[in-house]
Amino acid sequence: MHELSIITNLFELLEEKAVEQKANKIVHVKLQVGLLSGAVPDLLKTSFDIYKKDTMAAEAVLEIEEVPLKYQCQDCKTEMVKDDYIILCEKCGSTNLKAVAGTDMFLLKMDIEI
């Protein structure tokens, strides 16, 4: 379960930024997680809840915005959202697709109390 190592790294960043802002605690964290980011949202939430104990984020809520997989056909330039792993352009049938969204994970927001 590499989600715990992701959360460990996330907490290093969160606590660093919270200290910079002279925060007393972290109350809310929002992540954007792509379908093919390699992380499972439910496991991220579980790991977050385990890791947050005895930290500045002990009472924090983790919100996850899931991002679907979006491709662009490199032949006809059509963009499409896919919820399966059939890598074919819906317009021209090409297999020359490039992922343009849904492969990353981002920290979107952190709410703190000062």
Protein backbone atom coordinates (compact mmCIF):
# COMPACT_ATOMS: atom_id res chain seq x y z
CA MET A 1 0.00 0.00 0.00
CA HIS A 2 2.01 2.97 -1.26
CA GLU A 3 -0.80 5.35 -0.28
CA LEU A 4 0.71 5.57 3.21
CA SER A 5 4.02 6.81 1.78
CA ILE A 6 2.11 9.35 -0.35
CA ILE A 7 0.31 10.59 2.78
CA THR A 8 3.60 10.69 4.72
CA ASN A 9 5.08 12.95 2.03
CA LEU A 10 1.88 15.01 1.93
CA PHE A 11 2.07 15.61 5.69
CA GLU A 12 5.66 16.83 5.39
CA LEU A 13 4.45 19.44 2.91
CA LEU A 14 1.31 20.33 4.88
CA GLU A 15 3.16 20.81 8.15
CA GLU A 16 5.93 22.83 6.48
CA LYS A 17 3.40 25.21 4.92
CA ALA A 18 1.32 25.41 8.10
CA VAL A 19 4.38 26.36 10.15
CA GLU A 20 5.34 29.00 7.55
CA GLN A 21 1.87 30.52 7.99
CA LYS A 22 2.08 30.28 11.80
CA ALA A 23 -0.96 28.01 11.91
CA ASN A 24 -2.20 26.31 15.06
CA LYS A 25 -3.85 23.52 13.15
CA ILE A 26 -4.82 22.19 9.75
CA VAL A 27 -8.58 21.77 9.39
CA HIS A 28 -9.18 20.76 5.76
CA VAL A 29 -7.13 19.32 2.92
CA LYS A 30 -8.29 18.91 -0.68
CA LEU A 31 -6.54 16.64 -3.16
CA GLN A 32 -7.21 16.10 -6.84
CA VAL A 33 -6.56 12.47 -7.76
CA GLY A 34 -6.54 11.19 -11.32
CA LEU A 35 -7.96 7.80 -12.25
CA LEU A 36 -4.52 6.68 -13.43
CA SER A 37 -2.48 8.48 -10.77
CA GLY A 38 -1.64 5.15 -9.17
CA ALA A 39 -3.42 6.02 -5.92
CA VAL A 40 -6.69 4.61 -4.62
CA PRO A 41 -8.83 7.40 -3.08
CA ASP A 42 -10.32 5.21 -0.32
CA LEU A 43 -6.85 4.04 0.71
CA LEU A 44 -5.61 7.64 0.71
CA LYS A 45 -8.45 8.60 3.07
CA THR A 46 -7.74 5.66 5.36
CA SER A 47 -4.02 6.44 5.40
CA PHE A 48 -4.74 10.11 6.07
CA ASP A 49 -6.98 9.24 9.02
CA ILE A 50 -4.33 6.91 10.47
CA TYR A 51 -1.43 9.33 9.97
CA LYS A 52 -3.14 12.51 11.21
CA LYS A 53 -3.33 11.39 14.84
CA ASP A 54 -1.09 13.53 17.10
CA THR A 55 -0.31 16.01 14.28
CA MET A 56 -1.42 19.55 13.45
CA ALA A 57 -4.09 17.90 11.30
CA ALA A 58 -5.56 15.66 13.99
CA GLU A 59 -9.06 17.05 13.35
CA ALA A 60 -8.63 17.68 9.62
CA VAL A 61 -10.92 16.38 6.93
CA LEU A 62 -9.50 15.07 3.67
CA GLU A 63 -11.55 15.83 0.57
CA ILE A 64 -10.68 14.06 -2.67
CA GLU A 65 -11.77 15.26 -6.09
CA GLU A 66 -11.48 12.36 -8.51
CA VAL A 67 -10.43 13.23 -12.07
CA PRO A 68 -11.49 10.94 -14.92
CA LEU A 69 -9.08 9.85 -17.61
CA LYS A 70 -9.16 12.25 -20.55
CA TYR A 71 -7.43 11.58 -23.86
CA GLN A 72 -6.74 13.59 -26.98
CA CYS A 73 -6.48 11.84 -30.33
CA GLN A 74 -3.23 12.88 -31.95
CA ASP A 75 -4.68 12.26 -35.41
CA CYS A 76 -8.03 14.10 -35.37
CA LYS A 77 -7.49 16.15 -32.14
CA THR A 78 -10.76 14.96 -30.58
CA GLU A 79 -10.77 14.98 -26.77
CA MET A 80 -12.68 12.30 -24.89
CA VAL A 81 -13.23 11.13 -21.33
CA LYS A 82 -12.76 7.39 -20.93
CA ASP A 83 -13.91 5.21 -18.05
CA ASP A 84 -12.52 2.06 -19.58
CA TYR A 85 -9.14 1.01 -20.88
CA ILE A 86 -10.10 0.71 -24.54
CA ILE A 87 -7.65 3.11 -26.09
CA LEU A 88 -9.44 3.95 -29.34
CA CYS A 89 -10.56 7.34 -30.61
CA GLU A 90 -14.33 7.54 -30.51
CA LYS A 91 -14.35 9.66 -33.68
CA CYS A 92 -11.74 8.22 -36.05
CA GLY A 93 -10.80 4.86 -34.47
CA SER A 94 -7.12 5.75 -34.08
CA THR A 95 -5.03 4.25 -31.31
CA ASN A 96 -2.76 7.31 -31.32
CA LEU A 97 -4.12 8.81 -28.09
CA LYS A 98 -2.37 10.94 -25.49
CA ALA A 99 -3.56 11.23 -21.89
CA VAL A 100 -4.21 14.91 -21.09
CA ALA A 101 -5.86 14.55 -17.65
CA GLY A 102 -6.38 11.92 -14.98
CA THR A 103 -2.81 10.75 -14.50
CA ASP A 104 -1.69 13.13 -11.74
CA MET A 105 -2.33 13.96 -8.12
CA PHE A 106 -2.33 17.54 -6.82
CA LEU A 107 -2.73 19.27 -3.49
CA LEU A 108 -5.43 21.83 -4.33
CA LYS A 109 -6.10 23.43 -0.98
CA MET A 110 -5.25 23.45 2.69
CA ASP A 111 -7.35 25.32 5.26
CA ILE A 112 -5.68 26.29 8.51
CA GLU A 113 -6.52 28.01 11.78
CA ILE A 114 -4.14 30.63 13.11
